[in-house]
Amino acid sequence: MVKKRSRTDIIGDMLEVIQNKRGEIKQTHLMYKSNLSYGQLTSYLEELVDKHFVQKIERESNFYILITDRGNEFLEKFREMKQFEKTFGL
């Protein structure tokens, strides 16, 4: 059976997708690449904006999501945590 992603895993996936696109991605592309519904994306984005992990800007009638320094810092610590879990078989 496939394990569901945790809230933290989803946030990590979203930030990683943004970072892999050179720190900037269209909102709809983030939704597809993170494998989220529109409702889920909206909810997570609201939280990430509130925590200053990303910022949302409108350019040429499209919404773009940009990762912030704080978001990059979270992602770095998240990867360290995942590596720690993997090292100890958790």
Protein backbone atom coordinates (compact mmCIF):
# COMPACT_ATOMS: atom_id res chain seq x y z
CA MET A 1 0.00 0.00 0.00
CA VAL A 2 1.23 3.49 -0.83
CA LYS A 3 1.71 5.81 2.13
CA LYS A 4 -0.04 9.20 1.93
CA ARG A 5 2.14 12.28 1.99
CA SER A 6 2.21 14.21 5.23
CA ARG A 7 1.48 17.93 5.36
CA THR A 8 5.22 18.59 5.76
CA ASP A 9 6.04 16.33 2.80
CA ILE A 10 3.58 18.25 0.60
CA ILE A 11 5.09 21.58 1.64
CA GLY A 12 8.58 20.21 0.97
CA ASP A 13 7.47 18.92 -2.45
CA MET A 14 5.96 22.29 -3.34
CA LEU A 15 9.07 24.23 -2.33
CA GLU A 16 11.31 21.78 -4.18
CA VAL A 17 9.26 22.14 -7.36
CA ILE A 18 9.56 25.93 -7.14
CA GLN A 19 13.30 25.77 -6.43
CA ASN A 20 13.84 23.39 -9.37
CA LYS A 21 12.21 25.98 -11.65
CA ARG A 22 14.85 28.54 -10.67
CA GLY A 23 12.76 29.85 -7.82
CA GLU A 24 9.73 30.93 -9.85
CA ILE A 25 6.77 29.00 -11.24
CA LYS A 26 3.26 29.67 -12.52
CA GLN A 27 0.58 28.76 -10.04
CA THR A 28 -1.08 26.17 -12.32
CA HIS A 29 2.26 24.48 -13.08
CA LEU A 30 2.93 24.20 -9.36
CA MET A 31 -0.47 22.59 -8.88
CA TYR A 32 0.22 19.91 -11.52
CA LYS A 33 3.86 19.24 -10.57
CA SER A 34 2.96 18.98 -6.86
CA ASN A 35 0.02 16.66 -7.67
CA LEU A 36 -2.53 18.79 -5.81
CA SER A 37 -6.10 19.81 -6.50
CA TYR A 38 -6.88 23.50 -6.87
CA GLY A 39 -8.42 23.60 -3.39
CA GLN A 40 -5.41 21.94 -1.81
CA LEU A 41 -3.01 24.24 -3.66
CA THR A 42 -4.91 27.33 -2.54
CA SER A 43 -4.89 26.21 1.08
CA TYR A 44 -1.18 25.36 1.13
CA LEU A 45 -0.20 28.52 -0.76
CA GLU A 46 -2.10 30.68 1.70
CA GLU A 47 -0.14 29.10 4.55
CA LEU A 48 3.20 29.39 2.74
CA VAL A 49 2.58 33.06 1.96
CA ASP A 50 1.57 33.73 5.59
CA LYS A 51 4.79 32.07 6.81
CA HIS A 52 6.85 34.02 4.23
CA PHE A 53 8.15 30.84 2.52
CA VAL A 54 6.85 32.06 -0.86
CA GLN A 55 5.46 35.21 -2.36
CA LYS A 56 2.75 35.43 -4.96
CA ILE A 57 3.00 38.01 -7.74
CA GLU A 58 0.93 38.81 -10.80
CA ARG A 59 2.78 39.36 -14.03
CA GLU A 60 1.27 39.57 -17.52
CA SER A 61 -2.12 38.40 -16.13
CA ASN A 62 -0.55 35.21 -14.70
CA PHE A 63 0.13 34.42 -11.07
CA TYR A 64 3.68 33.36 -10.25
CA ILE A 65 4.95 31.83 -7.04
CA LEU A 66 8.48 32.78 -5.94
CA ILE A 67 10.40 30.99 -3.20
CA THR A 68 11.88 33.29 -0.55
CA ASP A 69 15.12 32.97 1.41
CA ARG A 70 13.07 31.67 4.33
CA GLY A 71 11.51 29.04 2.03
CA ASN A 72 14.95 27.97 0.80
CA GLU A 73 16.14 27.69 4.40
CA PHE A 74 13.13 25.54 5.32
CA LEU A 75 13.75 23.29 2.32
CA GLU A 76 17.40 22.81 3.29
CA LYS A 77 16.43 21.79 6.84
CA PHE A 78 13.63 19.56 5.50
CA ARG A 79 16.12 17.70 3.31
CA GLU A 80 18.46 17.26 6.28
CA MET A 81 15.58 15.85 8.31
CA LYS A 82 14.64 13.40 5.54
CA GLN A 83 18.26 12.28 5.24
CA PHE A 84 18.40 11.78 9.02
CA GLU A 85 15.24 9.61 8.89
CA LYS A 86 16.68 7.60 6.01
CA THR A 87 20.02 7.09 7.79
CA PHE A 88 18.30 5.61 10.85
CA GLY A 89 15.68 3.68 8.92
CA LEU A 90 12.70 5.68 10.12
